[in-house]
N, C-alpha and C. Protein backbone atom coordinates (compact mmCIF):
# COMPACT_ATOMS: atom_id res chain seq x y z
N MET A 1 0.79 -1.26 -0.10
CA MET A 1 0.15 -0.04 0.08
C MET A 1 0.86 1.27 0.08
N ARG A 2 1.89 1.07 0.70
CA ARG A 2 2.96 2.41 1.00
C ARG A 2 3.50 2.66 -0.42
N SER A 3 3.91 1.63 -1.28
CA SER A 3 4.56 1.55 -2.53
C SER A 3 3.73 2.39 -3.63
N ILE A 4 2.56 2.13 -3.45
CA ILE A 4 1.21 2.60 -4.20
C ILE A 4 1.18 4.24 -4.11
N ALA A 5 1.25 4.46 -2.80
CA ALA A 5 1.34 6.00 -2.36
C ALA A 5 2.65 6.85 -2.86
N ILE A 6 3.51 5.86 -2.73
CA ILE A 6 4.83 6.69 -3.40
C ILE A 6 4.77 6.82 -4.74
N LEU A 7 4.43 5.98 -5.71
CA LEU A 7 4.17 5.83 -6.97
C LEU A 7 3.13 7.19 -7.27
N ALA A 8 2.37 7.28 -6.74
CA ALA A 8 1.37 8.06 -6.91
C ALA A 8 1.78 9.46 -6.86
N ALA A 9 2.62 9.63 -5.62
CA ALA A 9 3.22 11.06 -5.34
C ALA A 9 4.10 11.52 -6.43
N CYS A 10 5.07 10.38 -6.99
CA CYS A 10 6.03 10.60 -8.05
C CYS A 10 5.48 10.96 -9.21
N GLY A 11 4.15 10.24 -9.59
CA GLY A 11 3.45 10.69 -10.78
C GLY A 11 2.93 11.96 -10.74
N ALA A 12 2.48 12.48 -9.46
CA ALA A 12 2.09 13.78 -9.41
C ALA A 12 3.09 14.88 -9.53
N VAL A 13 4.30 14.53 -9.06
CA VAL A 13 5.19 15.48 -9.12
C VAL A 13 5.87 15.68 -10.37
N ALA A 14 5.81 14.41 -11.19
CA ALA A 14 6.40 14.40 -12.56
C ALA A 14 5.25 15.18 -13.59
N ALA A 15 4.04 14.92 -13.21
CA ALA A 15 3.20 15.95 -13.96
C ALA A 15 3.29 17.12 -13.82
N VAL A 16 3.76 17.74 -12.74
CA VAL A 16 3.63 19.10 -12.62
C VAL A 16 5.02 19.61 -13.22
N LEU A 17 6.31 18.88 -12.96
CA LEU A 17 7.48 19.51 -13.34
C LEU A 17 7.82 19.28 -14.73
N LEU A 18 7.31 18.10 -15.43
CA LEU A 18 7.95 17.80 -16.85
C LEU A 18 7.56 19.02 -17.86
N PRO A 19 6.09 19.68 -17.80
CA PRO A 19 5.95 20.81 -18.52
C PRO A 19 7.02 22.03 -18.17
N LEU A 20 7.20 22.13 -16.91
CA LEU A 20 8.02 23.32 -16.78
C LEU A 20 9.63 23.06 -17.23
N VAL A 21 10.13 21.86 -17.31
CA VAL A 21 11.43 21.57 -17.98
C VAL A 21 11.47 21.80 -19.10
N ALA A 22 10.15 21.23 -19.99
CA ALA A 22 10.24 21.53 -21.36
C ALA A 22 10.09 23.00 -21.85
N VAL A 23 9.43 23.84 -21.04
CA VAL A 23 9.45 25.22 -21.39
C VAL A 23 10.86 25.79 -21.12
N ALA A 24 11.48 25.36 -20.12
CA ALA A 24 12.64 25.80 -19.63
C ALA A 24 13.73 25.62 -20.71
N GLN A 25 13.53 24.52 -21.37
CA GLN A 25 14.46 23.93 -22.44
C GLN A 25 14.32 24.63 -23.61
N THR A 26 13.34 25.09 -23.99
CA THR A 26 12.88 25.76 -25.32
C THR A 26 12.95 27.15 -25.19
N THR A 27 12.90 27.84 -24.19
CA THR A 27 12.89 29.46 -24.00
C THR A 27 14.57 29.89 -24.44
N PRO A 28 15.67 29.38 -24.03
CA PRO A 28 16.64 30.08 -24.49
C PRO A 28 17.01 29.86 -25.98
N GLN A 29 16.52 29.01 -26.80
CA GLN A 29 16.53 28.74 -28.28
C GLN A 29 15.76 29.66 -28.98
N THR A 30 14.51 29.95 -28.51
CA THR A 30 13.37 30.72 -28.97
C THR A 30 14.10 32.41 -28.86
N THR A 31 14.86 32.58 -27.55
CA THR A 31 15.36 33.86 -27.53
C THR A 31 16.61 34.18 -28.30
N THR A 32 17.32 32.92 -28.58
CA THR A 32 18.48 33.23 -29.31
C THR A 32 18.15 33.46 -30.82
N GLN A 33 17.14 32.89 -31.15
CA GLN A 33 16.70 33.02 -32.62
C GLN A 33 15.97 34.59 -32.70
N SER A 34 15.35 35.01 -31.81
CA SER A 34 14.73 36.29 -31.85
C SER A 34 15.90 37.27 -31.70
N ASP A 35 16.98 37.02 -31.10
CA ASP A 35 18.12 37.96 -30.89
C ASP A 35 18.72 38.12 -32.33
N ALA A 36 18.82 36.90 -32.91
CA ALA A 36 19.61 36.77 -34.23
C ALA A 36 18.60 37.61 -35.19
N GLN A 37 17.31 37.53 -35.21
CA GLN A 37 16.55 38.22 -36.20
C GLN A 37 16.72 39.67 -35.79
N THR A 38 16.80 40.01 -34.56
CA THR A 38 16.92 41.36 -34.30
C THR A 38 18.35 41.88 -34.97
N VAL A 39 19.37 41.15 -34.71
CA VAL A 39 20.81 41.49 -35.05
C VAL A 39 20.50 41.72 -36.71
N TRP A 40 19.85 40.58 -37.38
CA TRP A 40 19.74 40.76 -38.87
C TRP A 40 18.89 41.97 -39.37
N GLU A 41 17.97 42.18 -38.62
CA GLU A 41 16.91 43.49 -39.02
C GLU A 41 17.89 44.62 -38.86
N LYS A 42 18.63 44.87 -37.88
CA LYS A 42 19.54 45.94 -37.90
C LYS A 42 20.60 45.79 -39.16
N VAL A 43 21.20 44.59 -39.20
CA VAL A 43 22.17 44.63 -40.25
C VAL A 43 21.69 45.03 -41.75
N LYS A 44 20.54 44.48 -42.09
CA LYS A 44 19.82 44.96 -43.16
C LYS A 44 19.69 46.42 -43.32
N GLY A 45 19.45 46.91 -42.30
CA GLY A 45 18.90 48.40 -41.99
C GLY A 45 20.05 49.44 -42.59
N SER A 46 21.33 48.90 -41.88
CA SER A 46 22.41 49.53 -42.01
C SER A 46 23.50 49.05 -42.74
N TRP A 47 23.20 48.25 -44.04
CA TRP A 47 24.01 47.41 -44.41
C TRP A 47 25.32 48.03 -45.26
N ASN A 48 25.07 49.45 -45.46
CA ASN A 48 26.55 49.97 -46.00
C ASN A 48 27.39 50.23 -44.59
N GLN A 49 27.05 50.40 -43.68
CA GLN A 49 27.91 50.62 -42.42
C GLN A 49 28.55 49.19 -41.85
N THR A 50 27.51 48.23 -42.13
CA THR A 50 27.86 46.77 -41.74
C THR A 50 28.94 46.18 -42.57
N LYS A 51 28.84 46.44 -43.67
CA LYS A 51 29.88 46.02 -44.73
C LYS A 51 31.30 46.00 -44.35
N GLY A 52 31.49 47.04 -43.72
CA GLY A 52 32.82 47.24 -43.33
C GLY A 52 33.39 46.13 -42.23
N ALA A 53 32.29 46.08 -41.14
CA ALA A 53 32.70 45.13 -40.07
C ALA A 53 32.74 43.61 -40.72
N VAL A 54 31.97 43.23 -41.67
CA VAL A 54 31.92 42.05 -42.27
C VAL A 54 33.28 41.79 -43.13
N LYS A 55 33.70 42.72 -43.77
CA LYS A 55 34.92 43.00 -44.50
C LYS A 55 36.07 42.67 -43.74
N GLU A 56 36.03 43.20 -42.42
CA GLU A 56 36.98 42.99 -41.48
C GLU A 56 37.08 41.77 -41.00
N GLN A 57 35.90 41.06 -40.90
CA GLN A 57 35.98 39.64 -40.32
C GLN A 57 36.28 38.67 -41.11
N TRP A 58 35.82 38.78 -42.48
CA TRP A 58 36.05 37.94 -43.61
C TRP A 58 36.62 38.78 -44.72
N GLY A 59 37.97 38.81 -44.55
CA GLY A 59 38.64 39.82 -45.82
C GLY A 59 38.62 39.08 -47.07
N GLN A 60 38.29 37.88 -47.26
CA GLN A 60 38.25 37.18 -48.61
C GLN A 60 36.95 37.47 -49.36
N LEU A 61 36.15 38.19 -48.76
CA LEU A 61 34.91 38.55 -49.63
C LEU A 61 35.17 39.75 -50.26
N THR A 62 34.49 39.60 -51.39
CA THR A 62 34.91 40.87 -52.59
C THR A 62 33.86 41.89 -52.21
N ASP A 63 34.12 43.16 -52.76
CA ASP A 63 33.09 44.21 -52.72
C ASP A 63 31.72 43.58 -53.51
N ASP A 64 32.03 42.77 -54.81
CA ASP A 64 31.04 42.11 -55.36
C ASP A 64 30.07 41.07 -54.36
N ASP A 65 30.86 40.40 -53.49
CA ASP A 65 30.06 39.44 -52.68
C ASP A 65 29.34 40.35 -51.75
N LEU A 66 29.86 41.52 -51.22
CA LEU A 66 29.05 42.28 -50.40
C LEU A 66 27.87 42.77 -50.85
N LEU A 67 28.01 43.41 -52.03
CA LEU A 67 26.68 43.69 -52.99
C LEU A 67 25.57 42.66 -53.16
N ALA A 68 26.18 41.33 -53.39
CA ALA A 68 25.24 40.34 -53.58
C ALA A 68 24.62 39.88 -52.14
N ILE A 69 25.34 40.05 -51.26
CA ILE A 69 24.80 39.67 -49.85
C ILE A 69 23.43 40.77 -49.18
N GLU A 70 23.74 41.75 -49.57
CA GLU A 70 22.81 42.94 -48.99
C GLU A 70 22.19 42.58 -47.94
N GLY A 71 22.74 42.32 -46.57
CA GLY A 71 22.19 42.09 -45.38
C GLY A 71 21.68 40.66 -45.17
N ARG A 72 21.78 39.84 -46.02
CA ARG A 72 21.14 38.56 -46.05
C ARG A 72 21.91 37.54 -45.35
N ARG A 73 21.51 36.84 -44.19
CA ARG A 73 22.29 36.09 -43.53
C ARG A 73 22.66 34.76 -44.19
N ASP A 74 21.74 34.23 -44.98
CA ASP A 74 21.85 32.96 -45.66
C ASP A 74 22.75 33.02 -47.09
N GLN A 75 22.91 34.34 -47.45
CA GLN A 75 23.86 34.92 -48.59
C GLN A 75 25.31 34.89 -47.80
N LEU A 76 25.35 35.61 -46.75
CA LEU A 76 26.54 35.71 -46.21
C LEU A 76 27.14 34.33 -45.80
N VAL A 77 26.41 33.55 -45.30
CA VAL A 77 26.98 31.97 -44.80
C VAL A 77 27.35 31.29 -46.41
N GLY A 78 26.41 31.42 -47.34
CA GLY A 78 27.02 30.94 -48.52
C GLY A 78 28.40 31.34 -49.28
N LYS A 79 28.66 32.60 -49.17
CA LYS A 79 29.51 33.30 -49.69
C LYS A 79 30.87 33.06 -48.75
N ILE A 80 30.75 32.81 -47.59
CA ILE A 80 31.92 32.73 -46.65
C ILE A 80 32.26 30.92 -46.83
N GLN A 81 31.22 30.28 -47.21
CA GLN A 81 31.46 28.91 -47.54
C GLN A 81 32.19 28.53 -48.63
N THR A 82 31.82 29.37 -49.83
CA THR A 82 32.68 29.59 -51.29
C THR A 82 33.90 30.06 -51.06
N ARG A 83 34.18 31.07 -50.34
CA ARG A 83 35.46 31.83 -50.58
C ARG A 83 36.50 31.23 -49.58
N TYR A 84 35.97 30.58 -48.66
CA TYR A 84 37.05 29.96 -47.49
C TYR A 84 37.17 28.45 -47.84
N GLY A 85 36.34 27.97 -48.51
CA GLY A 85 36.20 26.34 -48.71
C GLY A 85 36.05 25.63 -47.70
N ILE A 86 35.07 25.91 -47.04
CA ILE A 86 34.49 25.35 -45.67
C ILE A 86 33.23 24.75 -45.70
N SER A 87 32.99 23.77 -44.58
CA SER A 87 31.50 23.51 -44.55
C SER A 87 30.32 24.60 -44.54
N ARG A 88 29.30 24.15 -44.89
CA ARG A 88 28.24 25.05 -44.46
C ARG A 88 28.17 25.21 -43.06
N GLU A 89 28.08 24.04 -42.15
CA GLU A 89 28.07 24.31 -40.82
C GLU A 89 29.25 25.07 -39.99
N ALA A 90 30.62 24.96 -40.85
CA ALA A 90 31.62 25.77 -40.17
C ALA A 90 31.30 27.25 -40.54
N ALA A 91 30.68 27.55 -41.53
CA ALA A 91 30.37 28.97 -41.98
C ALA A 91 29.33 29.28 -41.11
N GLU A 92 28.25 28.57 -40.83
CA GLU A 92 27.06 28.97 -40.08
C GLU A 92 27.60 29.16 -38.47
N ALA A 93 28.49 28.44 -38.19
CA ALA A 93 29.10 28.62 -36.56
C ALA A 93 30.04 30.11 -36.73
N GLN A 94 30.83 30.22 -37.72
CA GLN A 94 31.30 31.60 -37.66
C GLN A 94 30.54 32.59 -37.65
N VAL A 95 29.52 32.67 -38.48
CA VAL A 95 28.46 33.71 -38.54
C VAL A 95 27.73 33.90 -37.21
N GLY A 96 27.50 32.69 -36.49
CA GLY A 96 26.88 32.86 -35.24
C GLY A 96 27.60 33.28 -34.14
N VAL A 97 29.08 33.24 -34.21
CA VAL A 97 29.96 33.89 -33.26
C VAL A 97 29.76 35.25 -33.57
N TRP A 98 29.94 35.91 -34.91
CA TRP A 98 29.88 37.23 -35.20
C TRP A 98 28.47 37.87 -34.87
N GLU A 99 27.34 37.26 -35.20
CA GLU A 99 26.15 37.69 -34.48
C GLU A 99 26.10 38.09 -33.00
N LYS A 100 26.53 36.96 -32.41
CA LYS A 100 26.69 37.14 -30.69
C LYS A 100 27.52 38.41 -30.45
N LYS A 101 28.69 38.45 -31.20
CA LYS A 101 29.49 39.71 -31.18
C LYS A 101 28.75 41.04 -31.43
N ARG A 102 28.08 41.12 -32.48
CA ARG A 102 27.26 42.25 -32.66
C ARG A 102 26.16 42.55 -31.90
N LEU A 103 25.41 41.66 -31.37
CA LEU A 103 24.42 41.73 -30.37
C LEU A 103 25.02 42.40 -29.19
N LYS A 104 26.24 42.00 -28.76
CA LYS A 104 26.53 42.58 -27.51
C LYS A 104 27.08 44.09 -27.70
N ASP A 105 27.59 44.33 -28.83
CA ASP A 105 27.93 45.70 -29.37
C ASP A 105 26.64 46.75 -29.60
N MET A 106 25.58 46.13 -29.65
CA MET A 106 24.28 46.82 -30.12
C MET A 106 23.67 47.70 -28.63
């Protein structure tokens, strides 16, 4: 009888805590995505000023590359991948680090 009461108590605790854990796990990712979107909205809006920072970070990008990118993240990742001969994942990682730095600077 006692073990049934313990199981019932564990089930009740799990029913309350599992949704909280699920929300806690998804919140940082959502915040990160919205932060990245905010960064890229600002990048697009001030692309002429941002081109210098991009060129400083990735010096192998040409002026034509920067014209083609026009503040679009996916274009930047693709150009970095092409110019540096790296995987898409590596280019994504580099842009992610750059985004975080830009977010801190804002």
